């Protein structure tokens, strides 16, 4: 793994830094306008937001999936280290996209 940023926000896990989504954040979700009022109410009550720091690990191979992740703003890099420690980037996850829902629904571990 590359160097990690040591800031006060990364001393606790992402799960411990969550908060409710703001109206502005919900309005930036591309599929938000497609929901009807009851669906919006349900999503707004269940959605949690946390800010990830550059270099922060969000999920690790082999750990049980406990959530799926969506990007409100920015870009997440999906990568892994090779057997010799060289980082391999698989893809970038842009604003409005998400991942991990299939793993969560199948009750699998992250691969």
PDB file of N, CA and C in Angstrom:
ATOM      1  N   UNK A   1       0.832  -1.173   0.000  1.00  0.00           N
ATOM      2  CA  UNK A   1       0.000   0.000   0.000  1.00  0.00           C
ATOM      3  C   UNK A   1       0.879   1.239   0.000  1.00  0.00           C
ATOM      4  N   UNK A   2       0.384   2.296  -0.578  1.00  0.00           N
ATOM      5  CA  UNK A   2       1.111   3.561  -0.614  1.00  0.00           C
ATOM      6  C   UNK A   2       1.034   4.273   0.723  1.00  0.00           C
ATOM      7  N   UNK A   3       1.601   5.461   0.795  1.00  0.00           N
ATOM      8  CA  UNK A   3       1.587   6.208   2.040  1.00  0.00           C
ATOM      9  C   UNK A   3       0.167   6.605   2.428  1.00  0.00           C
ATOM     10  N   UNK A   4      -0.067   6.669   3.688  1.00  0.00           N
ATOM     11  CA  UNK A   4      -1.371   7.058   4.216  1.00  0.00           C
ATOM     12  C   UNK A   4      -1.291   8.478   4.759  1.00  0.00           C
ATOM     13  N   UNK A   5      -2.376   9.197   4.613  1.00  0.00           N
ATOM     14  CA  UNK A   5      -2.451  10.550   5.152  1.00  0.00           C
ATOM     15  C   UNK A   5      -2.896  10.444   6.598  1.00  0.00           C
ATOM     16  N   UNK A   6      -2.207  11.098   7.475  1.00  0.00           N
ATOM     17  CA  UNK A   6      -2.560  11.064   8.883  1.00  0.00           C
ATOM     18  C   UNK A   6      -3.196  12.390   9.274  1.00  0.00           C
ATOM     19  N   UNK A   7      -4.529  12.376   9.328  1.00  0.00           N
ATOM     20  CA  UNK A   7      -5.263  13.564   9.756  1.00  0.00           C
ATOM     21  C   UNK A   7      -6.274  13.138  10.801  1.00  0.00           C
ATOM     22  N   UNK A   8      -6.847  14.093  11.476  1.00  0.00           N
ATOM     23  CA  UNK A   8      -7.804  13.755  12.523  1.00  0.00           C
ATOM     24  C   UNK A   8      -9.000  12.999  11.976  1.00  0.00           C
ATOM     25  N   UNK A   9      -9.407  13.275  10.732  1.00  0.00           N
ATOM     26  CA  UNK A   9     -10.575  12.598  10.187  1.00  0.00           C
ATOM     27  C   UNK A   9     -10.289  11.141   9.840  1.00  0.00           C
ATOM     28  N   UNK A  10      -9.036  10.769   9.594  1.00  0.00           N
ATOM     29  CA  UNK A  10      -8.748   9.381   9.254  1.00  0.00           C
ATOM     30  C   UNK A  10      -8.327   8.563  10.470  1.00  0.00           C
ATOM     31  N   UNK A  11      -8.368   9.133  11.668  1.00  0.00           N
ATOM     32  CA  UNK A  11      -8.027   8.359  12.855  1.00  0.00           C
ATOM     33  C   UNK A  11      -9.196   7.494  13.300  1.00  0.00           C
ATOM     34  N   UNK A  12     -10.391   7.760  12.796  1.00  0.00           N
ATOM     35  CA  UNK A  12     -11.545   6.915  13.069  1.00  0.00           C
ATOM     36  C   UNK A  12     -12.027   6.336  11.746  1.00  0.00           C
ATOM     37  N   UNK A  13     -12.698   5.204  11.811  1.00  0.00           N
ATOM     38  CA  UNK A  13     -13.154   4.562  10.579  1.00  0.00           C
ATOM     39  C   UNK A  13     -14.219   5.414   9.901  1.00  0.00           C
ATOM     40  N   UNK A  14     -14.361   5.188   8.615  1.00  0.00           N
ATOM     41  CA  UNK A  14     -15.362   5.898   7.835  1.00  0.00           C
ATOM     42  C   UNK A  14     -16.744   5.692   8.446  1.00  0.00           C
ATOM     43  N   UNK A  15     -17.007   4.499   8.911  1.00  0.00           N
ATOM     44  CA  UNK A  15     -18.304   4.159   9.510  1.00  0.00           C
ATOM     45  C   UNK A  15     -18.619   5.033  10.726  1.00  0.00           C
ATOM     46  N   UNK A  16     -17.580   5.465  11.452  1.00  0.00           N
ATOM     47  CA  UNK A  16     -17.779   6.288  12.648  1.00  0.00           C
ATOM     48  C   UNK A  16     -17.852   7.779  12.349  1.00  0.00           C
ATOM     49  N   UNK A  17     -17.709   8.147  11.082  1.00  0.00           N
ATOM     50  CA  UNK A  17     -17.771   9.562  10.694  1.00  0.00           C
ATOM     51  C   UNK A  17     -18.998   9.884   9.865  1.00  0.00           C
ATOM     52  N   UNK A  18     -19.971   9.013   9.840  1.00  0.00           N
ATOM     53  CA  UNK A  18     -21.152   9.225   9.002  1.00  0.00           C
ATOM     54  C   UNK A  18     -22.093  10.258   9.607  1.00  0.00           C
ATOM     55  N   UNK A  19     -22.858  10.864   8.717  1.00  0.00           N
ATOM     56  CA  UNK A  19     -23.886  11.825   9.098  1.00  0.00           C
ATOM     57  C   UNK A  19     -25.004  11.717   8.070  1.00  0.00           C
ATOM     58  N   UNK A  20     -26.122  12.344   8.362  1.00  0.00           N
ATOM     59  CA  UNK A  20     -27.232  12.361   7.409  1.00  0.00           C
ATOM     60  C   UNK A  20     -26.849  13.196   6.192  1.00  0.00           C
ATOM     61  N   UNK A  21     -27.370  12.820   5.043  1.00  0.00           N
ATOM     62  CA  UNK A  21     -27.127  13.581   3.815  1.00  0.00           C
ATOM     63  C   UNK A  21     -27.877  14.907   3.883  1.00  0.00           C
ATOM     64  N   UNK A  22     -27.245  15.950   3.369  1.00  0.00           N
ATOM     65  CA  UNK A  22     -27.907  17.254   3.297  1.00  0.00           C
ATOM     66  C   UNK A  22     -28.821  17.285   2.071  1.00  0.00           C
ATOM     67  N   UNK A  23     -29.728  18.253   2.034  1.00  0.00           N
ATOM     68  CA  UNK A  23     -30.615  18.424   0.891  1.00  0.00           C
ATOM     69  C   UNK A  23     -29.795  18.643  -0.372  1.00  0.00           C
ATOM     70  N   UNK A  24     -28.742  19.448  -0.290  1.00  0.00           N
ATOM     71  CA  UNK A  24     -27.878  19.707  -1.444  1.00  0.00           C
ATOM     72  C   UNK A  24     -27.223  18.423  -1.941  1.00  0.00           C
ATOM     73  N   UNK A  25     -26.746  17.579  -1.030  1.00  0.00           N
ATOM     74  CA  UNK A  25     -26.121  16.314  -1.430  1.00  0.00           C
ATOM     75  C   UNK A  25     -27.137  15.388  -2.097  1.00  0.00           C
ATOM     76  N   UNK A  26     -28.331  15.311  -1.545  1.00  0.00           N
ATOM     77  CA  UNK A  26     -29.361  14.474  -2.154  1.00  0.00           C
ATOM     78  C   UNK A  26     -29.717  14.987  -3.550  1.00  0.00           C
ATOM     79  N   UNK A  27     -29.793  16.289  -3.721  1.00  0.00           N
ATOM     80  CA  UNK A  27     -30.123  16.874  -5.027  1.00  0.00           C
ATOM     81  C   UNK A  27     -29.053  16.592  -6.076  1.00  0.00           C
ATOM     82  N   UNK A  28     -27.821  16.291  -5.655  1.00  0.00           N
ATOM     83  CA  UNK A  28     -26.736  15.993  -6.607  1.00  0.00           C
ATOM     84  C   UNK A  28     -26.679  14.519  -6.996  1.00  0.00           C
ATOM     85  N   UNK A  29     -27.487  13.682  -6.384  1.00  0.00           N
ATOM     86  CA  UNK A  29     -27.538  12.259  -6.742  1.00  0.00           C
ATOM     87  C   UNK A  29     -28.344  12.148  -8.041  1.00  0.00           C
ATOM     88  N   UNK A  30     -27.744  11.610  -9.109  1.00  0.00           N
ATOM     89  CA  UNK A  30     -28.397  11.622 -10.424  1.00  0.00           C
ATOM     90  C   UNK A  30     -29.780  10.977 -10.471  1.00  0.00           C
ATOM     91  N   UNK A  31     -30.018   9.946  -9.710  1.00  0.00           N
ATOM     92  CA  UNK A  31     -31.303   9.254  -9.758  1.00  0.00           C
ATOM     93  C   UNK A  31     -32.327   9.786  -8.763  1.00  0.00           C
ATOM     94  N   UNK A  32     -31.954  10.746  -7.936  1.00  0.00           N
ATOM     95  CA  UNK A  32     -32.855  11.319  -6.929  1.00  0.00           C
ATOM     96  C   UNK A  32     -34.156  11.847  -7.548  1.00  0.00           C
ATOM     97  N   UNK A  33     -34.112  12.603  -8.653  1.00  0.00           N
ATOM     98  CA  UNK A  33     -35.359  13.134  -9.223  1.00  0.00           C
ATOM     99  C   UNK A  33     -36.310  12.050  -9.734  1.00  0.00           C
ATOM    100  N   UNK A  34     -35.824  10.841  -9.961  1.00  0.00           N
ATOM    101  CA  UNK A  34     -36.669   9.758 -10.464  1.00  0.00           C
ATOM    102  C   UNK A  34     -37.515   9.104  -9.373  1.00  0.00           C
ATOM    103  N   UNK A  35     -37.210   9.405  -8.112  1.00  0.00           N
ATOM    104  CA  UNK A  35     -37.944   8.801  -6.992  1.00  0.00           C
ATOM    105  C   UNK A  35     -39.210   9.575  -6.697  1.00  0.00           C
ATOM    106  N   UNK A  36     -40.243   8.854  -6.265  1.00  0.00           N
ATOM    107  CA  UNK A  36     -41.449   9.547  -5.822  1.00  0.00           C
ATOM    108  C   UNK A  36     -41.259   9.956  -4.352  1.00  0.00           C
ATOM    109  N   UNK A  37     -42.204  10.689  -3.804  1.00  0.00           N
ATOM    110  CA  UNK A  37     -42.061  11.246  -2.447  1.00  0.00           C
ATOM    111  C   UNK A  37     -41.815  10.179  -1.379  1.00  0.00           C
ATOM    112  N   UNK A  38     -42.572   9.067  -1.339  1.00  0.00           N
ATOM    113  CA  UNK A  38     -42.287   8.048  -0.318  1.00  0.00           C
ATOM    114  C   UNK A  38     -40.895   7.427  -0.473  1.00  0.00           C
ATOM    115  N   UNK A  39     -40.471   7.219  -1.718  1.00  0.00           N
ATOM    116  CA  UNK A  39     -39.136   6.661  -1.944  1.00  0.00           C
ATOM    117  C   UNK A  39     -38.056   7.642  -1.492  1.00  0.00           C
ATOM    118  N   UNK A  40     -38.248   8.922  -1.781  1.00  0.00           N
ATOM    119  CA  UNK A  40     -37.281   9.939  -1.340  1.00  0.00           C
ATOM    120  C   UNK A  40     -37.185   9.968   0.182  1.00  0.00           C
ATOM    121  N   UNK A  41     -38.320   9.867   0.832  1.00  0.00           N
ATOM    122  CA  UNK A  41     -38.326   9.879   2.298  1.00  0.00           C
ATOM    123  C   UNK A  41     -37.547   8.688   2.844  1.00  0.00           C
ATOM    124  N   UNK A  42     -37.770   7.519   2.272  1.00  0.00           N
ATOM    125  CA  UNK A  42     -37.074   6.301   2.714  1.00  0.00           C
ATOM    126  C   UNK A  42     -35.571   6.407   2.479  1.00  0.00           C
ATOM    127  N   UNK A  43     -35.189   6.835   1.269  1.00  0.00           N
ATOM    128  CA  UNK A  43     -33.771   6.948   0.936  1.00  0.00           C
ATOM    129  C   UNK A  43     -33.100   7.990   1.821  1.00  0.00           C
ATOM    130  N   UNK A  44     -33.731   9.130   1.995  1.00  0.00           N
ATOM    131  CA  UNK A  44     -33.143  10.198   2.810  1.00  0.00           C
ATOM    132  C   UNK A  44     -32.931   9.744   4.253  1.00  0.00           C
ATOM    133  N   UNK A  45     -33.835   8.935   4.772  1.00  0.00           N
ATOM    134  CA  UNK A  45     -33.682   8.478   6.157  1.00  0.00           C
ATOM    135  C   UNK A  45     -32.600   7.408   6.309  1.00  0.00           C
ATOM    136  N   UNK A  46     -32.326   6.673   5.237  1.00  0.00           N
ATOM    137  CA  UNK A  46     -31.337   5.592   5.293  1.00  0.00           C
ATOM    138  C   UNK A  46     -29.948   5.987   4.810  1.00  0.00           C
ATOM    139  N   UNK A  47     -29.866   7.027   3.973  1.00  0.00           N
ATOM    140  CA  UNK A  47     -28.574   7.395   3.395  1.00  0.00           C
ATOM    141  C   UNK A  47     -27.685   8.070   4.424  1.00  0.00           C
ATOM    142  N   UNK A  48     -26.442   7.663   4.451  1.00  0.00           N
ATOM    143  CA  UNK A  48     -25.439   8.266   5.324  1.00  0.00           C
ATOM    144  C   UNK A  48     -24.280   8.743   4.468  1.00  0.00           C
ATOM    145  N   UNK A  49     -23.669   9.843   4.867  1.00  0.00           N
ATOM    146  CA  UNK A  49     -22.573  10.445   4.115  1.00  0.00           C
ATOM    147  C   UNK A  49     -21.351  10.560   5.016  1.00  0.00           C
ATOM    148  N   UNK A  50     -20.196  10.284   4.451  1.00  0.00           N
ATOM    149  CA  UNK A  50     -18.922  10.487   5.144  1.00  0.00           C
ATOM    150  C   UNK A  50     -17.905  10.917   4.098  1.00  0.00           C
ATOM    151  N   UNK A  51     -16.978  11.736   4.488  1.00  0.00           N
ATOM    152  CA  UNK A  51     -15.937  12.182   3.560  1.00  0.00           C
ATOM    153  C   UNK A  51     -14.704  11.296   3.699  1.00  0.00           C
ATOM    154  N   UNK A  52     -14.311  10.698   2.587  1.00  0.00           N
ATOM    155  CA  UNK A  52     -13.102   9.873   2.555  1.00  0.00           C
ATOM    156  C   UNK A  52     -11.920  10.771   2.201  1.00  0.00           C
ATOM    157  N   UNK A  53     -10.807  10.516   2.835  1.00  0.00           N
ATOM    158  CA  UNK A  53      -9.585  11.269   2.585  1.00  0.00           C
ATOM    159  C   UNK A  53      -8.751  10.587   1.504  1.00  0.00           C
ATOM    160  N   UNK A  54      -7.950  11.331   0.757  1.00  0.00           N
ATOM    161  CA  UNK A  54      -7.069  10.703  -0.243  1.00  0.00           C
ATOM    162  C   UNK A  54      -6.204   9.615   0.404  1.00  0.00           C
ATOM    163  N   UNK A  55      -6.153   8.457  -0.227  1.00  0.00           N
ATOM    164  CA  UNK A  55      -5.350   7.349   0.276  1.00  0.00           C
ATOM    165  C   UNK A  55      -6.033   6.490   1.323  1.00  0.00           C
ATOM    166  N   UNK A  56      -7.210   6.874   1.755  1.00  0.00           N
ATOM    167  CA  UNK A  56      -7.923   6.110   2.784  1.00  0.00           C
ATOM    168  C   UNK A  56      -8.506   4.831   2.193  1.00  0.00           C
ATOM    169  N   UNK A  57      -8.390   3.724   2.912  1.00  0.00           N
ATOM    170  CA  UNK A  57      -8.944   2.443   2.489  1.00  0.00           C
ATOM    171  C   UNK A  57     -10.386   2.367   2.963  1.00  0.00           C
ATOM    172  N   UNK A  58     -11.303   2.087   2.028  1.00  0.00           N
ATOM    173  CA  UNK A  58     -12.723   2.035   2.372  1.00  0.00           C
ATOM    174  C   UNK A  58     -13.224   0.624   2.617  1.00  0.00           C
ATOM    175  N   UNK A  59     -12.682  -0.348   1.895  1.00  0.00           N
ATOM    176  CA  UNK A  59     -13.036  -1.742   2.136  1.00  0.00           C
ATOM    177  C   UNK A  59     -11.841  -2.607   1.761  1.00  0.00           C
ATOM    178  N   UNK A  60     -11.718  -3.725   2.429  1.00  0.00           N
ATOM    179  CA  UNK A  60     -10.577  -4.620   2.224  1.00  0.00           C
ATOM    180  C   UNK A  60     -11.050  -5.997   1.769  1.00  0.00           C
ATOM    181  N   UNK A  61     -10.241  -6.618   0.940  1.00  0.00           N
ATOM    182  CA  UNK A  61     -10.524  -7.975   0.477  1.00  0.00           C
ATOM    183  C   UNK A  61     -10.686  -8.892   1.683  1.00  0.00           C
ATOM    184  N   UNK A  62     -11.723  -9.738   1.623  1.00  0.00           N
ATOM    185  CA  UNK A  62     -11.937 -10.728   2.672  1.00  0.00           C
ATOM    186  C   UNK A  62     -12.817 -10.259   3.815  1.00  0.00           C
ATOM    187  N   UNK A  63     -13.024  -8.957   3.938  1.00  0.00           N
ATOM    188  CA  UNK A  63     -13.902  -8.448   4.998  1.00  0.00           C
ATOM    189  C   UNK A  63     -15.356  -8.596   4.564  1.00  0.00           C
ATOM    190  N   UNK A  64     -16.241  -8.937   5.494  1.00  0.00           N
ATOM    191  CA  UNK A  64     -17.657  -9.061   5.134  1.00  0.00           C
ATOM    192  C   UNK A  64     -18.210  -7.704   4.692  1.00  0.00           C
ATOM    193  N   UNK A  65     -19.043  -7.719   3.660  1.00  0.00           N
ATOM    194  CA  UNK A  65     -19.681  -6.493   3.189  1.00  0.00           C
ATOM    195  C   UNK A  65     -20.766  -6.086   4.185  1.00  0.00           C
ATOM    196  N   UNK A  66     -20.703  -4.860   4.657  1.00  0.00           N
ATOM    197  CA  UNK A  66     -21.706  -4.348   5.596  1.00  0.00           C
ATOM    198  C   UNK A  66     -22.415  -3.122   5.046  1.00  0.00           C
ATOM    199  N   UNK A  67     -21.992  -2.656   3.868  1.00  0.00           N
ATOM    200  CA  UNK A  67     -22.598  -1.485   3.246  1.00  0.00           C
ATOM    201  C   UNK A  67     -22.209  -1.428   1.788  1.00  0.00           C
ATOM    202  N   UNK A  68     -22.908  -0.616   1.017  1.00  0.00           N
ATOM    203  CA  UNK A  68     -22.449  -0.318  -0.334  1.00  0.00           C
ATOM    204  C   UNK A  68     -22.108   1.152  -0.356  1.00  0.00           C
ATOM    205  N   UNK A  69     -21.251   1.521  -1.279  1.00  0.00           N
ATOM    206  CA  UNK A  69     -20.715   2.873  -1.307  1.00  0.00           C
ATOM    207  C   UNK A  69     -21.091   3.585  -2.596  1.00  0.00           C
ATOM    208  N   UNK A  70     -21.491   4.828  -2.464  1.00  0.00           N
ATOM    209  CA  UNK A  70     -21.785   5.681  -3.600  1.00  0.00           C
ATOM    210  C   UNK A  70     -20.945   6.938  -3.496  1.00  0.00           C
ATOM    211  N   UNK A  71     -20.694   7.569  -4.618  1.00  0.00           N
ATOM    212  CA  UNK A  71     -19.876   8.773  -4.657  1.00  0.00           C
ATOM    213  C   UNK A  71     -20.785   9.969  -4.917  1.00  0.00           C
ATOM    214  N   UNK A  72     -20.871  10.872  -3.944  1.00  0.00           N
ATOM    215  CA  UNK A  72     -21.659  12.094  -4.115  1.00  0.00           C
ATOM    216  C   UNK A  72     -20.848  13.112  -4.903  1.00  0.00           C
ATOM    217  N   UNK A  73     -19.578  13.243  -4.548  1.00  0.00           N
ATOM    218  CA  UNK A  73     -18.708  14.211  -5.214  1.00  0.00           C
ATOM    219  C   UNK A  73     -17.285  13.684  -5.220  1.00  0.00           C
ATOM    220  N   UNK A  74     -16.610  13.777  -6.330  1.00  0.00           N
ATOM    221  CA  UNK A  74     -15.221  13.344  -6.421  1.00  0.00           C
ATOM    222  C   UNK A  74     -15.064  12.072  -7.216  1.00  0.00           C
ATOM    223  N   UNK A  75     -13.984  11.358  -6.957  1.00  0.00           N
ATOM    224  CA  UNK A  75     -13.648  10.135  -7.674  1.00  0.00           C
ATOM    225  C   UNK A  75     -12.974   9.170  -6.714  1.00  0.00           C
ATOM    226  N   UNK A  76     -13.476   7.943  -6.657  1.00  0.00           N
ATOM    227  CA  UNK A  76     -12.840   6.896  -5.860  1.00  0.00           C
ATOM    228  C   UNK A  76     -12.020   6.008  -6.783  1.00  0.00           C
ATOM    229  N   UNK A  77     -10.853   5.616  -6.338  1.00  0.00           N
ATOM    230  CA  UNK A  77     -10.005   4.710  -7.107  1.00  0.00           C
ATOM    231  C   UNK A  77     -10.171   3.309  -6.532  1.00  0.00           C
ATOM    232  N   UNK A  78     -10.546   2.374  -7.386  1.00  0.00           N
ATOM    233  CA  UNK A  78     -10.659   0.981  -6.968  1.00  0.00           C
ATOM    234  C   UNK A  78      -9.364   0.298  -7.371  1.00  0.00           C
ATOM    235  N   UNK A  79      -8.613  -0.163  -6.370  1.00  0.00           N
ATOM    236  CA  UNK A  79      -7.305  -0.740  -6.653  1.00  0.00           C
ATOM    237  C   UNK A  79      -6.990  -1.855  -5.672  1.00  0.00           C
ATOM    238  N   UNK A  80      -5.871  -2.511  -5.953  1.00  0.00           N
ATOM    239  CA  UNK A  80      -5.403  -3.604  -5.125  1.00  0.00           C
ATOM    240  C   UNK A  80      -3.883  -3.639  -5.258  1.00  0.00           C
ATOM    241  N   UNK A  81      -3.215  -4.248  -4.321  1.00  0.00           N
ATOM    242  CA  UNK A  81      -1.775  -4.449  -4.435  1.00  0.00           C
ATOM    243  C   UNK A  81      -1.523  -5.823  -5.037  1.00  0.00           C
ATOM    244  N   UNK A  82      -0.548  -5.917  -5.926  1.00  0.00           N
ATOM    245  CA  UNK A  82      -0.183  -7.208  -6.503  1.00  0.00           C
ATOM    246  C   UNK A  82       0.567  -8.029  -5.455  1.00  0.00           C
ATOM    247  N   UNK A  83       0.865  -9.254  -5.796  1.00  0.00           N
ATOM    248  CA  UNK A  83       1.593 -10.143  -4.878  1.00  0.00           C
ATOM    249  C   UNK A  83       2.960  -9.582  -4.501  1.00  0.00           C
ATOM    250  N   UNK A  84       3.532  -8.738  -5.370  1.00  0.00           N
ATOM    251  CA  UNK A  84       4.847  -8.154  -5.078  1.00  0.00           C
ATOM    252  C   UNK A  84       4.720  -6.736  -4.514  1.00  0.00           C
ATOM    253  N   UNK A  85       3.487  -6.318  -4.211  1.00  0.00           N
ATOM    254  CA  UNK A  85       3.286  -5.026  -3.572  1.00  0.00           C
ATOM    255  C   UNK A  85       3.076  -3.849  -4.504  1.00  0.00           C
ATOM    256  N   UNK A  86       3.014  -4.108  -5.806  1.00  0.00           N
ATOM    257  CA  UNK A  86       2.793  -3.039  -6.776  1.00  0.00           C
ATOM    258  C   UNK A  86       1.292  -2.732  -6.864  1.00  0.00           C
ATOM    259  N   UNK A  87       0.890  -1.477  -6.697  1.00  0.00           N
ATOM    260  CA  UNK A  87      -0.541  -1.147  -6.804  1.00  0.00           C
ATOM    261  C   UNK A  87      -1.071  -1.359  -8.228  1.00  0.00           C
ATOM    262  N   UNK A  88      -2.282  -1.899  -8.310  1.00  0.00           N
ATOM    263  CA  UNK A  88      -2.958  -2.112  -9.581  1.00  0.00           C
ATOM    264  C   UNK A  88      -4.300  -1.383  -9.487  1.00  0.00           C
ATOM    265  N   UNK A  89      -4.553  -0.443 -10.380  1.00  0.00           N
ATOM    266  CA  UNK A  89      -5.825   0.269 -10.393  1.00  0.00           C
ATOM    267  C   UNK A  89      -6.771  -0.423 -11.358  1.00  0.00           C
ATOM    268  N   UNK A  90      -7.970  -0.766 -10.877  1.00  0.00           N
ATOM    269  CA  UNK A  90      -8.966  -1.433 -11.699  1.00  0.00           C
ATOM    270  C   UNK A  90      -9.853  -0.422 -12.422  1.00  0.00           C
ATOM    271  N   UNK A  91     -10.310   0.585 -11.695  1.00  0.00           N
ATOM    272  CA  UNK A  91     -11.223   1.566 -12.272  1.00  0.00           C
ATOM    273  C   UNK A  91     -11.335   2.777 -11.355  1.00  0.00           C
ATOM    274  N   UNK A  92     -11.940   3.822 -11.872  1.00  0.00           N
ATOM    275  CA  UNK A  92     -12.289   4.974 -11.058  1.00  0.00           C
ATOM    276  C   UNK A  92     -13.805   5.008 -10.940  1.00  0.00           C
ATOM    277  N   UNK A  93     -14.310   5.321  -9.772  1.00  0.00           N
ATOM    278  CA  UNK A  93     -15.746   5.383  -9.545  1.00  0.00           C
ATOM    279  C   UNK A  93     -16.112   6.870  -9.444  1.00  0.00           C
ATOM    280  N   UNK A  94     -16.811   7.419 -10.467  1.00  0.00           N
ATOM    281  CA  UNK A  94     -17.083   8.860 -10.506  1.00  0.00           C
ATOM    282  C   UNK A  94     -18.315   9.264  -9.679  1.00  0.00           C
ATOM    283  N   UNK A  95     -18.499  10.558  -9.545  1.00  0.00           N
ATOM    284  CA  UNK A  95     -19.682  11.094  -8.863  1.00  0.00           C
ATOM    285  C   UNK A  95     -20.942  10.505  -9.487  1.00  0.00           C
ATOM    286  N   UNK A  96     -21.883  10.116  -8.634  1.00  0.00           N
ATOM    287  CA  UNK A  96     -23.141   9.545  -9.092  1.00  0.00           C
ATOM    288  C   UNK A  96     -23.124   8.037  -9.235  1.00  0.00           C
ATOM    289  N   UNK A  97     -21.952   7.422  -9.165  1.00  0.00           N
ATOM    290  CA  UNK A  97     -21.850   5.972  -9.308  1.00  0.00           C
ATOM    291  C   UNK A  97     -21.727   5.325  -7.930  1.00  0.00           C
ATOM    292  N   UNK A  98     -21.877   4.022  -7.893  1.00  0.00           N
ATOM    293  CA  UNK A  98     -21.770   3.288  -6.638  1.00  0.00           C
ATOM    294  C   UNK A  98     -21.223   1.898  -6.911  1.00  0.00           C
ATOM    295  N   UNK A  99     -20.847   1.216  -5.837  1.00  0.00           N
ATOM    296  CA  UNK A  99     -20.357  -0.164  -5.949  1.00  0.00           C
ATOM    297  C   UNK A  99     -20.589  -0.881  -4.635  1.00  0.00           C
ATOM    298  N   UNK A 100     -20.535  -2.209  -4.689  1.00  0.00           N
ATOM    299  CA  UNK A 100     -20.630  -3.033  -3.501  1.00  0.00           C
ATOM    300  C   UNK A 100     -22.015  -3.547  -3.181  1.00  0.00           C
ATOM    301  N   UNK A 101     -23.037  -3.086  -3.930  1.00  0.00           N
ATOM    302  CA  UNK A 101     -24.399  -3.526  -3.611  1.00  0.00           C
ATOM    303  C   UNK A 101     -24.586  -5.012  -3.890  1.00  0.00           C
ATOM    304  N   UNK A 102     -23.978  -5.531  -4.955  1.00  0.00           N
ATOM    305  CA  UNK A 102     -24.092  -6.963  -5.262  1.00  0.00           C
ATOM    306  C   UNK A 102     -23.446  -7.819  -4.190  1.00  0.00           C
ATOM    307  N   UNK A 103     -22.281  -7.413  -3.750  1.00  0.00           N
ATOM    308  CA  UNK A 103     -21.573  -8.131  -2.689  1.00  0.00           C
ATOM    309  C   UNK A 103     -22.396  -8.126  -1.413  1.00  0.00           C
ATOM    310  N   UNK A 104     -22.984  -6.982  -1.105  1.00  0.00           N
ATOM    311  CA  UNK A 104     -23.807  -6.865   0.104  1.00  0.00           C
ATOM    312  C   UNK A 104     -25.064  -7.735   0.006  1.00  0.00           C
ATOM    313  N   UNK A 105     -25.765  -7.652  -1.124  1.00  0.00           N
ATOM    314  CA  UNK A 105     -26.995  -8.427  -1.275  1.00  0.00           C
ATOM    315  C   UNK A 105     -26.744  -9.933  -1.251  1.00  0.00           C
ATOM    316  N   UNK A 106     -25.572 -10.364  -1.754  1.00  0.00           N
ATOM    317  CA  UNK A 106     -25.231 -11.794  -1.756  1.00  0.00           C
ATOM    318  C   UNK A 106     -24.593 -12.234  -0.439  1.00  0.00           C
ATOM    319  N   UNK A 107     -24.426 -11.265   0.482  1.00  0.00           N
ATOM    320  CA  UNK A 107     -23.826 -11.542   1.795  1.00  0.00           C
ATOM    321  C   UNK A 107     -22.441 -12.170   1.650  1.00  0.00           C
ATOM    322  N   UNK A 108     -21.680 -11.633   0.723  1.00  0.00           N
ATOM    323  CA  UNK A 108     -20.310 -12.097   0.482  1.00  0.00           C
ATOM    324  C   UNK A 108     -19.299 -11.185   1.161  1.00  0.00           C
ATOM    325  N   UNK A 109     -18.058 -11.565   1.046  1.00  0.00           N
ATOM    326  CA  UNK A 109     -16.956 -10.714   1.488  1.00  0.00           C
ATOM    327  C   UNK A 109     -16.459  -9.938   0.280  1.00  0.00           C
ATOM    328  N   UNK A 110     -15.824  -8.788   0.549  1.00  0.00           N
ATOM    329  CA  UNK A 110     -15.265  -8.003  -0.542  1.00  0.00           C
ATOM    330  C   UNK A 110     -14.188  -8.795  -1.264  1.00  0.00           C
ATOM    331  N   UNK A 111     -14.191  -8.734  -2.613  1.00  0.00           N
ATOM    332  CA  UNK A 111     -13.189  -9.441  -3.417  1.00  0.00           C
ATOM    333  C   UNK A 111     -12.211  -8.477  -4.012  1.00  0.00           C
TER     334      UNK A 111
END
